[in-house]
Every structure is written in C-alpha cells, then in structure tokens.
Amino acid sequence: MYAIIRDGSHQHRVEEGQTVRLAYRADAEPGATLELGDVLALGEGAELRIGAPTVEGASVSARVTKQRKDKKIIVYHFLRRKNHHKKQGHRQRFTEAVIEKISG
C-alpha cells in the first residue's frame, strides 16, 4: 500500500520503510515522530482512494532520522551592458524521515 502526501509545495509517493526528504522542520529533532495529515491518495490497485483534496481520516507517521543541508545552489543575476552582476547562494535545509505507518 502506498500514499501520496503533500509537504509544503511538494508531493511525495511513500510506502512503509521508505526514506523521504521533507521540507525543513525546526521543531523535529532526530528520533521525533511526525504526523503527516495531508494525504492526497491512499491504497493500491482497485482499492485506491483519492481525496478531494485530502482523504478523510488518513495519516502517515514518520520518524525523523536527521536534519541536513543540501548542496549549494548558486543564483546569478546579470544585466548585459549595465555592469550589473549579483551572485547569491544558499544551502537548502531539509528533514530526512523514515515512513513508519500509513493508516486510513
């Protein structure tokens, strides 16, 4: 059985035991449990339930394994003939979690 969950502006197809990279959560320390309630679809095959927009009573439980930073992203602005160059960069933070239980 799998579920499709919404995490911020991203959607993930998850199964039990799978490791996923979620949007950064400051309050979730390694070992903490997250309850993801935005379940868009749940089931498999003929028993697939699709929500409008979410499936009622469905939830996904995940255990946080670590919080990390991703590779550096470079944002470069350039206007030709204007002598304008602007270079910025950042490392996006994310929370890595293991899906423990899909219920619904």
PDB file of N, CA and C in Angstrom:
ATOM      1  N   MET A   1       0.846  -1.178   0.000  1.00  0.00           N
ATOM      2  CA  MET A   1       0.000   0.000   0.000  1.00  0.00           C
ATOM      3  C   MET A   1       0.886   1.233   0.000  1.00  0.00           C
ATOM      4  N   TYR A   2       0.492   2.241  -0.733  1.00  0.00           N
ATOM      5  CA  TYR A   2       1.241   3.486  -0.775  1.00  0.00           C
ATOM      6  C   TYR A   2       0.306   4.658  -0.529  1.00  0.00           C
ATOM      7  N   ALA A   3       0.912   5.798  -0.287  1.00  0.00           N
ATOM      8  CA  ALA A   3       0.155   7.026  -0.076  1.00  0.00           C
ATOM      9  C   ALA A   3       0.870   8.151  -0.807  1.00  0.00           C
ATOM     10  N   ILE A   4       0.110   9.123  -1.247  1.00  0.00           N
ATOM     11  CA  ILE A   4       0.670  10.338  -1.828  1.00  0.00           C
ATOM     12  C   ILE A   4       0.394  11.451  -0.830  1.00  0.00           C
ATOM     13  N   ILE A   5       1.466  12.072  -0.329  1.00  0.00           N
ATOM     14  CA  ILE A   5       1.333  13.105   0.699  1.00  0.00           C
ATOM     15  C   ILE A   5       1.779  14.441   0.140  1.00  0.00           C
ATOM     16  N   ARG A   6       1.248  15.510   0.724  1.00  0.00           N
ATOM     17  CA  ARG A   6       1.652  16.864   0.355  1.00  0.00           C
ATOM     18  C   ARG A   6       2.510  17.407   1.482  1.00  0.00           C
ATOM     19  N   ASP A   7       3.672  17.937   1.104  1.00  0.00           N
ATOM     20  CA  ASP A   7       4.607  18.511   2.063  1.00  0.00           C
ATOM     21  C   ASP A   7       5.010  19.880   1.549  1.00  0.00           C
ATOM     22  N   GLY A   8       4.329  20.902   2.030  1.00  0.00           N
ATOM     23  CA  GLY A   8       4.592  22.242   1.512  1.00  0.00           C
ATOM     24  C   GLY A   8       4.103  22.327   0.077  1.00  0.00           C
ATOM     25  N   SER A   9       5.003  22.607  -0.861  1.00  0.00           N
ATOM     26  CA  SER A   9       4.618  22.680  -2.267  1.00  0.00           C
ATOM     27  C   SER A   9       5.001  21.419  -3.023  1.00  0.00           C
ATOM     28  N   HIS A  10       5.466  20.385  -2.313  1.00  0.00           N
ATOM     29  CA  HIS A  10       5.896  19.141  -2.945  1.00  0.00           C
ATOM     30  C   HIS A  10       4.917  18.017  -2.638  1.00  0.00           C
ATOM     31  N   GLN A  11       4.867  17.029  -3.525  1.00  0.00           N
ATOM     32  CA  GLN A  11       4.083  15.828  -3.308  1.00  0.00           C
ATOM     33  C   GLN A  11       5.021  14.635  -3.375  1.00  0.00           C
ATOM     34  N   HIS A  12       4.829  13.689  -2.471  1.00  0.00           N
ATOM     35  CA  HIS A  12       5.686  12.506  -2.400  1.00  0.00           C
ATOM     36  C   HIS A  12       4.822  11.252  -2.423  1.00  0.00           C
ATOM     37  N   ARG A  13       5.273  10.240  -3.171  1.00  0.00           N
ATOM     38  CA  ARG A  13       4.644   8.922  -3.140  1.00  0.00           C
ATOM     39  C   ARG A  13       5.459   8.091  -2.165  1.00  0.00           C
ATOM     40  N   VAL A  14       4.841   7.664  -1.059  1.00  0.00           N
ATOM     41  CA  VAL A  14       5.584   6.997   0.006  1.00  0.00           C
ATOM     42  C   VAL A  14       4.993   5.623   0.309  1.00  0.00           C
ATOM     43  N   GLU A  15       5.869   4.736   0.784  1.00  0.00           N
ATOM     44  CA  GLU A  15       5.493   3.424   1.275  1.00  0.00           C
ATOM     45  C   GLU A  15       6.151   3.225   2.626  1.00  0.00           C
ATOM     46  N   GLU A  16       5.688   2.252   3.401  1.00  0.00           N
ATOM     47  CA  GLU A  16       6.267   1.987   4.713  1.00  0.00           C
ATOM     48  C   GLU A  16       7.710   1.521   4.562  1.00  0.00           C
ATOM     49  N   GLY A  17       8.591   2.076   5.400  1.00  0.00           N
ATOM     50  CA  GLY A  17      10.000   1.732   5.359  1.00  0.00           C
ATOM     51  C   GLY A  17      10.825   2.613   4.438  1.00  0.00           C
ATOM     52  N   GLN A  18      10.196   3.451   3.664  1.00  0.00           N
ATOM     53  CA  GLN A  18      10.896   4.310   2.709  1.00  0.00           C
ATOM     54  C   GLN A  18      11.454   5.551   3.401  1.00  0.00           C
ATOM     55  N   THR A  19      12.625   6.020   2.952  1.00  0.00           N
ATOM     56  CA  THR A  19      13.221   7.250   3.464  1.00  0.00           C
ATOM     57  C   THR A  19      12.880   8.388   2.521  1.00  0.00           C
ATOM     58  N   VAL A  20      12.363   9.493   3.078  1.00  0.00           N
ATOM     59  CA  VAL A  20      11.986  10.642   2.259  1.00  0.00           C
ATOM     60  C   VAL A  20      12.651  11.901   2.795  1.00  0.00           C
ATOM     61  N   ARG A  21      12.824  12.873   1.908  1.00  0.00           N
ATOM     62  CA  ARG A  21      13.364  14.180   2.275  1.00  0.00           C
ATOM     63  C   ARG A  21      12.216  15.171   2.297  1.00  0.00           C
ATOM     64  N   LEU A  22      11.889  15.664   3.477  1.00  0.00           N
ATOM     65  CA  LEU A  22      10.773  16.578   3.665  1.00  0.00           C
ATOM     66  C   LEU A  22      11.280  17.999   3.831  1.00  0.00           C
ATOM     67  N   ALA A  23      10.364  18.953   3.726  1.00  0.00           N
ATOM     68  CA  ALA A  23      10.719  20.346   3.969  1.00  0.00           C
ATOM     69  C   ALA A  23      11.225  20.487   5.403  1.00  0.00           C
ATOM     70  N   TYR A  24      12.101  21.438   5.629  1.00  0.00           N
ATOM     71  CA  TYR A  24      12.747  21.618   6.931  1.00  0.00           C
ATOM     72  C   TYR A  24      11.729  21.911   8.018  1.00  0.00           C
ATOM     73  N   ARG A  25      11.856  21.193   9.131  1.00  0.00           N
ATOM     74  CA  ARG A  25      11.023  21.435  10.313  1.00  0.00           C
ATOM     75  C   ARG A  25      11.944  21.677  11.495  1.00  0.00           C
ATOM     76  N   ALA A  26      11.909  22.892  12.041  1.00  0.00           N
ATOM     77  CA  ALA A  26      12.825  23.282  13.106  1.00  0.00           C
ATOM     78  C   ALA A  26      12.529  22.539  14.405  1.00  0.00           C
ATOM     79  N   ASP A  27      11.263  22.180  14.639  1.00  0.00           N
ATOM     80  CA  ASP A  27      10.889  21.567  15.911  1.00  0.00           C
ATOM     81  C   ASP A  27      11.095  20.052  15.932  1.00  0.00           C
ATOM     82  N   ALA A  28      11.466  19.448  14.801  1.00  0.00           N
ATOM     83  CA  ALA A  28      11.611  17.999  14.722  1.00  0.00           C
ATOM     84  C   ALA A  28      13.076  17.600  14.889  1.00  0.00           C
ATOM     85  N   GLU A  29      13.403  17.065  16.045  1.00  0.00           N
ATOM     86  CA  GLU A  29      14.765  16.606  16.295  1.00  0.00           C
ATOM     87  C   GLU A  29      14.869  15.133  15.912  1.00  0.00           C
ATOM     88  N   PRO A  30      16.077  14.633  15.637  1.00  0.00           N
ATOM     89  CA  PRO A  30      16.216  13.217  15.301  1.00  0.00           C
ATOM     90  C   PRO A  30      15.628  12.319  16.381  1.00  0.00           C
ATOM     91  N   GLY A  31      14.829  11.356  15.946  1.00  0.00           N
ATOM     92  CA  GLY A  31      14.133  10.456  16.859  1.00  0.00           C
ATOM     93  C   GLY A  31      12.690  10.844  17.100  1.00  0.00           C
ATOM     94  N   ALA A  32      12.308  12.074  16.757  1.00  0.00           N
ATOM     95  CA  ALA A  32      10.933  12.529  16.952  1.00  0.00           C
ATOM     96  C   ALA A  32      10.019  11.905  15.893  1.00  0.00           C
ATOM     97  N   THR A  33       8.722  11.873  16.193  1.00  0.00           N
ATOM     98  CA  THR A  33       7.736  11.317  15.273  1.00  0.00           C
ATOM     99  C   THR A  33       6.918  12.448  14.676  1.00  0.00           C
ATOM    100  N   LEU A  34       6.731  12.405  13.353  1.00  0.00           N
ATOM    101  CA  LEU A  34       5.923  13.396  12.644  1.00  0.00           C
ATOM    102  C   LEU A  34       4.624  12.748  12.186  1.00  0.00           C
ATOM    103  N   GLU A  35       3.530  13.484  12.296  1.00  0.00           N
ATOM    104  CA  GLU A  35       2.253  13.038  11.753  1.00  0.00           C
ATOM    105  C   GLU A  35       1.954  13.900  10.536  1.00  0.00           C
ATOM    106  N   LEU A  36       1.952  13.279   9.367  1.00  0.00           N
ATOM    107  CA  LEU A  36       1.683  13.981   8.118  1.00  0.00           C
ATOM    108  C   LEU A  36       0.228  13.733   7.751  1.00  0.00           C
ATOM    109  N   GLY A  37      -0.594  14.774   7.839  1.00  0.00           N
ATOM    110  CA  GLY A  37      -2.032  14.620   7.657  1.00  0.00           C
ATOM    111  C   GLY A  37      -2.543  14.952   6.273  1.00  0.00           C
ATOM    112  N   ASP A  38      -1.743  15.578   5.428  1.00  0.00           N
ATOM    113  CA  ASP A  38      -2.188  15.928   4.081  1.00  0.00           C
ATOM    114  C   ASP A  38      -1.971  14.745   3.144  1.00  0.00           C
ATOM    115  N   VAL A  39      -2.871  13.763   3.212  1.00  0.00           N
ATOM    116  CA  VAL A  39      -2.790  12.569   2.370  1.00  0.00           C
ATOM    117  C   VAL A  39      -3.729  12.780   1.185  1.00  0.00           C
ATOM    118  N   LEU A  40      -3.175  12.849  -0.013  1.00  0.00           N
ATOM    119  CA  LEU A  40      -3.964  13.122  -1.215  1.00  0.00           C
ATOM    120  C   LEU A  40      -4.555  11.855  -1.819  1.00  0.00           C
ATOM    121  N   ALA A  41      -3.857  10.730  -1.693  1.00  0.00           N
ATOM    122  CA  ALA A  41      -4.350   9.452  -2.202  1.00  0.00           C
ATOM    123  C   ALA A  41      -3.810   8.339  -1.307  1.00  0.00           C
ATOM    124  N   LEU A  42      -4.567   7.251  -1.235  1.00  0.00           N
ATOM    125  CA  LEU A  42      -4.207   6.163  -0.332  1.00  0.00           C
ATOM    126  C   LEU A  42      -4.702   4.843  -0.912  1.00  0.00           C
ATOM    127  N   GLY A  43      -3.891   3.801  -0.842  1.00  0.00           N
ATOM    128  CA  GLY A  43      -4.308   2.483  -1.296  1.00  0.00           C
ATOM    129  C   GLY A  43      -3.437   1.964  -2.407  1.00  0.00           C
ATOM    130  N   GLU A  44      -3.970   0.976  -3.129  1.00  0.00           N
ATOM    131  CA  GLU A  44      -3.240   0.391  -4.239  1.00  0.00           C
ATOM    132  C   GLU A  44      -4.212  -0.360  -5.127  1.00  0.00           C
ATOM    133  N   GLY A  45      -4.016  -0.276  -6.425  1.00  0.00           N
ATOM    134  CA  GLY A  45      -4.847  -1.012  -7.386  1.00  0.00           C
ATOM    135  C   GLY A  45      -6.293  -0.550  -7.367  1.00  0.00           C
ATOM    136  N   ALA A  46      -7.209  -1.513  -7.229  1.00  0.00           N
ATOM    137  CA  ALA A  46      -8.642  -1.204  -7.259  1.00  0.00           C
ATOM    138  C   ALA A  46      -9.107  -0.524  -5.983  1.00  0.00           C
ATOM    139  N   GLU A  47      -8.324  -0.613  -4.905  1.00  0.00           N
ATOM    140  CA  GLU A  47      -8.710  -0.020  -3.624  1.00  0.00           C
ATOM    141  C   GLU A  47      -8.139   1.378  -3.428  1.00  0.00           C
ATOM    142  N   LEU A  48      -7.692   2.012  -4.488  1.00  0.00           N
ATOM    143  CA  LEU A  48      -7.116   3.355  -4.395  1.00  0.00           C
ATOM    144  C   LEU A  48      -8.199   4.367  -4.055  1.00  0.00           C
ATOM    145  N   ARG A  49      -7.973   5.133  -2.978  1.00  0.00           N
ATOM    146  CA  ARG A  49      -8.897   6.193  -2.571  1.00  0.00           C
ATOM    147  C   ARG A  49      -8.230   7.528  -2.857  1.00  0.00           C
ATOM    148  N   ILE A  50      -8.899   8.371  -3.609  1.00  0.00           N
ATOM    149  CA  ILE A  50      -8.382   9.689  -3.959  1.00  0.00           C
ATOM    150  C   ILE A  50      -9.207  10.727  -3.232  1.00  0.00           C
ATOM    151  N   GLY A  51      -8.524  11.643  -2.552  1.00  0.00           N
ATOM    152  CA  GLY A  51      -9.210  12.656  -1.769  1.00  0.00           C
ATOM    153  C   GLY A  51      -9.606  13.857  -2.595  1.00  0.00           C
ATOM    154  N   ALA A  52     -10.480  14.673  -2.013  1.00  0.00           N
ATOM    155  CA  ALA A  52     -10.915  15.899  -2.667  1.00  0.00           C
ATOM    156  C   ALA A  52     -10.928  17.023  -1.648  1.00  0.00           C
ATOM    157  N   PRO A  53      -9.849  17.667  -1.308  1.00  0.00           N
ATOM    158  CA  PRO A  53      -8.479  17.467  -1.777  1.00  0.00           C
ATOM    159  C   PRO A  53      -7.705  16.416  -0.979  1.00  0.00           C
ATOM    160  N   THR A  54      -8.134  16.084   0.262  1.00  0.00           N
ATOM    161  CA  THR A  54      -7.404  15.081   1.040  1.00  0.00           C
ATOM    162  C   THR A  54      -8.340  13.942   1.420  1.00  0.00           C
ATOM    163  N   VAL A  55      -7.756  12.802   1.750  1.00  0.00           N
ATOM    164  CA  VAL A  55      -8.525  11.638   2.184  1.00  0.00           C
ATOM    165  C   VAL A  55      -8.867  11.819   3.658  1.00  0.00           C
ATOM    166  N   GLU A  56     -10.149  11.716   3.986  1.00  0.00           N
ATOM    167  CA  GLU A  56     -10.600  11.915   5.361  1.00  0.00           C
ATOM    168  C   GLU A  56     -10.098  10.790   6.259  1.00  0.00           C
ATOM    169  N   GLY A  57      -9.546  11.149   7.420  1.00  0.00           N
ATOM    170  CA  GLY A  57      -9.116  10.179   8.413  1.00  0.00           C
ATOM    171  C   GLY A  57      -7.802   9.479   8.105  1.00  0.00           C
ATOM    172  N   ALA A  58      -7.146   9.833   7.035  1.00  0.00           N
ATOM    173  CA  ALA A  58      -5.884   9.187   6.667  1.00  0.00           C
ATOM    174  C   ALA A  58      -4.714   9.996   7.214  1.00  0.00           C
ATOM    175  N   SER A  59      -3.665   9.277   7.631  1.00  0.00           N
ATOM    176  CA  SER A  59      -2.468   9.957   8.110  1.00  0.00           C
ATOM    177  C   SER A  59      -1.260   9.062   7.870  1.00  0.00           C
ATOM    178  N   VAL A  60      -0.103   9.690   7.850  1.00  0.00           N
ATOM    179  CA  VAL A  60       1.153   8.981   7.662  1.00  0.00           C
ATOM    180  C   VAL A  60       2.059   9.348   8.829  1.00  0.00           C
ATOM    181  N   SER A  61       2.626   8.343   9.474  1.00  0.00           N
ATOM    182  CA  SER A  61       3.526   8.557  10.600  1.00  0.00           C
ATOM    183  C   SER A  61       4.959   8.331  10.137  1.00  0.00           C
ATOM    184  N   ALA A  62       5.847   9.281  10.474  1.00  0.00           N
ATOM    185  CA  ALA A  62       7.245   9.185  10.058  1.00  0.00           C
ATOM    186  C   ALA A  62       8.148   9.493  11.243  1.00  0.00           C
ATOM    187  N   ARG A  63       9.314   8.830  11.287  1.00  0.00           N
ATOM    188  CA  ARG A  63      10.306   9.063  12.337  1.00  0.00           C
ATOM    189  C   ARG A  63      11.474   9.829  11.729  1.00  0.00           C
ATOM    190  N   VAL A  64      11.841  10.945  12.353  1.00  0.00           N
ATOM    191  CA  VAL A  64      12.918  11.798  11.857  1.00  0.00           C
ATOM    192  C   VAL A  64      14.257  11.113  12.118  1.00  0.00           C
ATOM    193  N   THR A  65      15.078  10.998  11.071  1.00  0.00           N
ATOM    194  CA  THR A  65      16.403  10.410  11.234  1.00  0.00           C
ATOM    195  C   THR A  65      17.478  11.480  11.342  1.00  0.00           C
ATOM    196  N   LYS A  66      17.403  12.521  10.509  1.00  0.00           N
ATOM    197  CA  LYS A  66      18.394  13.603  10.604  1.00  0.00           C
ATOM    198  C   LYS A  66      17.896  14.846   9.894  1.00  0.00           C
ATOM    199  N   GLN A  67      18.538  15.956  10.226  1.00  0.00           N
ATOM    200  CA  GLN A  67      18.287  17.230   9.561  1.00  0.00           C
ATOM    201  C   GLN A  67      19.603  17.681   8.957  1.00  0.00           C
ATOM    202  N   ARG A  68      19.578  18.014   7.687  1.00  0.00           N
ATOM    203  CA  ARG A  68      20.804  18.326   6.980  1.00  0.00           C
ATOM    204  C   ARG A  68      20.616  19.519   6.068  1.00  0.00           C
ATOM    205  N   LYS A  69      21.729  19.878   5.405  1.00  0.00           N
ATOM    206  CA  LYS A  69      21.698  20.894   4.368  1.00  0.00           C
ATOM    207  C   LYS A  69      22.027  20.231   3.040  1.00  0.00           C
ATOM    208  N   ASP A  70      21.371  20.689   1.991  1.00  0.00           N
ATOM    209  CA  ASP A  70      21.587  20.152   0.658  1.00  0.00           C
ATOM    210  C   ASP A  70      22.812  20.789   0.021  1.00  0.00           C
ATOM    211  N   LYS A  71      23.111  20.425  -1.223  1.00  0.00           N
ATOM    212  CA  LYS A  71      24.215  21.041  -1.937  1.00  0.00           C
ATOM    213  C   LYS A  71      23.929  22.519  -2.173  1.00  0.00           C
ATOM    214  N   LYS A  72      24.975  23.297  -2.368  1.00  0.00           N
ATOM    215  CA  LYS A  72      24.830  24.732  -2.543  1.00  0.00           C
ATOM    216  C   LYS A  72      24.186  25.046  -3.889  1.00  0.00           C
ATOM    217  N   ILE A  73      23.244  25.979  -3.859  1.00  0.00           N
ATOM    218  CA  ILE A  73      22.565  26.458  -5.056  1.00  0.00           C
ATOM    219  C   ILE A  73      23.074  27.870  -5.335  1.00  0.00           C
ATOM    220  N   ILE A  74      23.534  28.124  -6.541  1.00  0.00           N
ATOM    221  CA  ILE A  74      24.038  29.440  -6.930  1.00  0.00           C
ATOM    222  C   ILE A  74      22.967  30.155  -7.752  1.00  0.00           C
ATOM    223  N   VAL A  75      22.648  31.383  -7.349  1.00  0.00           N
ATOM    224  CA  VAL A  75      21.710  32.228  -8.072  1.00  0.00           C
ATOM    225  C   VAL A  75      22.512  33.416  -8.595  1.00  0.00           C
ATOM    226  N   TYR A  76      22.548  33.571  -9.914  1.00  0.00           N
ATOM    227  CA  TYR A  76      23.384  34.604 -10.518  1.00  0.00           C
ATOM    228  C   TYR A  76      22.526  35.506 -11.397  1.00  0.00           C
ATOM    229  N   HIS A  77      22.512  36.814 -11.087  1.00  0.00           N
ATOM    230  CA  HIS A  77      21.771  37.793 -11.866  1.00  0.00           C
ATOM    231  C   HIS A  77      22.760  38.590 -12.699  1.00  0.00           C
ATOM    232  N   PHE A  78      22.425  38.823 -13.945  1.00  0.00           N
ATOM    233  CA  PHE A  78      23.320  39.526 -14.856  1.00  0.00           C
ATOM    234  C   PHE A  78      22.489  40.354 -15.810  1.00  0.00           C
ATOM    235  N   LEU A  79      22.796  41.627 -15.898  1.00  0.00           N
ATOM    236  CA  LEU A  79      22.164  42.502 -16.879  1.00  0.00           C
ATOM    237  C   LEU A  79      23.254  42.977 -17.840  1.00  0.00           C
ATOM    238  N   ARG A  80      23.119  42.636 -19.097  1.00  0.00           N
ATOM    239  CA  ARG A  80      24.157  42.991 -20.047  1.00  0.00           C
ATOM    240  C   ARG A  80      24.176  44.500 -20.292  1.00  0.00           C
ATOM    241  N   ARG A  81      25.329  44.991 -20.542  1.00  0.00           N
ATOM    242  CA  ARG A  81      25.590  46.414 -20.828  1.00  0.00           C
ATOM    243  C   ARG A  81      25.224  47.340 -19.668  1.00  0.00           C
ATOM    244  N   LYS A  82      24.937  46.827 -18.519  1.00  0.00           N
ATOM    245  CA  LYS A  82      24.569  47.671 -17.373  1.00  0.00           C
ATOM    246  C   LYS A  82      25.589  47.571 -16.253  1.00  0.00           C
ATOM    247  N   ASN A  83      26.603  46.738 -16.438  1.00  0.00           N
ATOM    248  CA  ASN A  83      27.610  46.492 -15.415  1.00  0.00           C
ATOM    249  C   ASN A  83      26.961  46.017 -14.107  1.00  0.00           C
ATOM    250  N   HIS A  84      26.019  45.122 -14.256  1.00  0.00           N
ATOM    251  CA  HIS A  84      25.293  44.611 -13.084  1.00  0.00           C
ATOM    252  C   HIS A  84      25.519  43.109 -12.969  1.00  0.00           C
ATOM    253  N   HIS A  85      26.145  42.700 -11.892  1.00  0.00           N
ATOM    254  CA  HIS A  85      26.334  41.288 -11.572  1.00  0.00           C
ATOM    255  C   HIS A  85      25.966  41.108 -10.113  1.00  0.00           C
ATOM    256  N   LYS A  86      25.194  40.090  -9.831  1.00  0.00           N
ATOM    257  CA  LYS A  86      24.819  39.816  -8.447  1.00  0.00           C
ATOM    258  C   LYS A  86      24.835  38.304  -8.248  1.00  0.00           C
ATOM    259  N   LYS A  87      25.673  37.843  -7.353  1.00  0.00           N
ATOM    260  CA  LYS A  87      25.802  36.418  -7.106  1.00  0.00           C
ATOM    261  C   LYS A  87      25.353  36.114  -5.686  1.00  0.00           C
ATOM    262  N   GLN A  88      24.398  35.200  -5.570  1.00  0.00           N
ATOM    263  CA  GLN A  88      23.904  34.765  -4.271  1.00  0.00           C
ATOM    264  C   GLN A  88      23.887  33.245  -4.251  1.00  0.00           C
ATOM    265  N   GLY A  89      23.886  32.692  -3.080  1.00  0.00           N
ATOM    266  CA  GLY A  89      23.790  31.248  -2.949  1.00  0.00           C
ATOM    267  C   GLY A  89      23.276  30.881  -1.574  1.00  0.00           C
ATOM    268  N   HIS A  90      22.754  29.682  -1.482  1.00  0.00           N
ATOM    269  CA  HIS A  90      22.302  29.192  -0.185  1.00  0.00           C
ATOM    270  C   HIS A  90      22.300  27.671  -0.209  1.00  0.00           C
ATOM    271  N   ARG A  91      22.262  27.095   0.964  1.00  0.00           N
ATOM    272  CA  ARG A  91      22.127  25.649   1.115  1.00  0.00           C
ATOM    273  C   ARG A  91      20.778  25.381   1.761  1.00  0.00           C
ATOM    274  N   GLN A  92      19.892  24.757   1.012  1.00  0.00           N
ATOM    275  CA  GLN A  92      18.543  24.489   1.484  1.00  0.00           C
ATOM    276  C   GLN A  92      18.572  23.429   2.576  1.00  0.00           C
ATOM    277  N   ARG A  93      17.866  23.662   3.667  1.00  0.00           N
ATOM    278  CA  ARG A  93      17.782  22.701   4.755  1.00  0.00           C
ATOM    279  C   ARG A  93      16.631  21.740   4.490  1.00  0.00           C
ATOM    280  N   PHE A  94      16.768  20.501   4.956  1.00  0.00           N
ATOM    281  CA  PHE A  94      15.695  19.528   4.812  1.00  0.00           C
ATOM    282  C   PHE A  94      15.720  18.570   5.991  1.00  0.00           C
ATOM    283  N   THR A  95      14.599  17.896   6.194  1.00  0.00           N
ATOM    284  CA  THR A  95      14.446  16.904   7.242  1.00  0.00           C
ATOM    285  C   THR A  95      14.311  15.539   6.573  1.00  0.00           C
ATOM    286  N   GLU A  96      15.136  14.597   6.979  1.00  0.00           N
ATOM    287  CA  GLU A  96      15.077  13.247   6.431  1.00  0.00           C
ATOM    288  C   GLU A  96      14.323  12.369   7.420  1.00  0.00           C
ATOM    289  N   ALA A  97      13.334  11.615   6.909  1.00  0.00           N
ATOM    290  CA  ALA A  97      12.493  10.799   7.781  1.00  0.00           C
ATOM    291  C   ALA A  97      12.207   9.445   7.142  1.00  0.00           C
ATOM    292  N   VAL A  98      11.916   8.466   7.986  1.00  0.00           N
ATOM    293  CA  VAL A  98      11.541   7.123   7.534  1.00  0.00           C
ATOM    294  C   VAL A  98      10.055   6.943   7.800  1.00  0.00           C
ATOM    295  N   ILE A  99       9.319   6.504   6.788  1.00  0.00           N
ATOM    296  CA  ILE A  99       7.887   6.288   6.923  1.00  0.00           C
ATOM    297  C   ILE A  99       7.674   5.021   7.742  1.00  0.00           C
ATOM    298  N   GLU A 100       6.980   5.150   8.872  1.00  0.00           N
ATOM    299  CA  GLU A 100       6.745   4.006   9.742  1.00  0.00           C
ATOM    300  C   GLU A 100       5.383   3.360   9.538  1.00  0.00           C
ATOM    301  N   LYS A 101       4.335   4.195   9.396  1.00  0.00           N
ATOM    302  CA  LYS A 101       2.979   3.632   9.325  1.00  0.00           C
ATOM    303  C   LYS A 101       2.099   4.496   8.445  1.00  0.00           C
ATOM    304  N   ILE A 102       1.332   3.840   7.609  1.00  0.00           N
ATOM    305  CA  ILE A 102       0.315   4.509   6.790  1.00  0.00           C
ATOM    306  C   ILE A 102      -1.027   4.011   7.271  1.00  0.00           C
ATOM    307  N   SER A 103      -1.866   4.914   7.751  1.00  0.00           N
ATOM    308  CA  SER A 103      -3.167   4.498   8.272  1.00  0.00           C
ATOM    309  C   SER A 103      -4.280   5.287   7.587  1.00  0.00           C
ATOM    310  N   GLY A 104      -5.423   4.658   7.490  1.00  0.00           N
ATOM    311  CA  GLY A 104      -6.531   5.361   6.898  1.00  0.00           C
ATOM    312  C   GLY A 104      -7.511   4.373   6.379  1.00  0.00           C
TER     313      GLY A 104
END
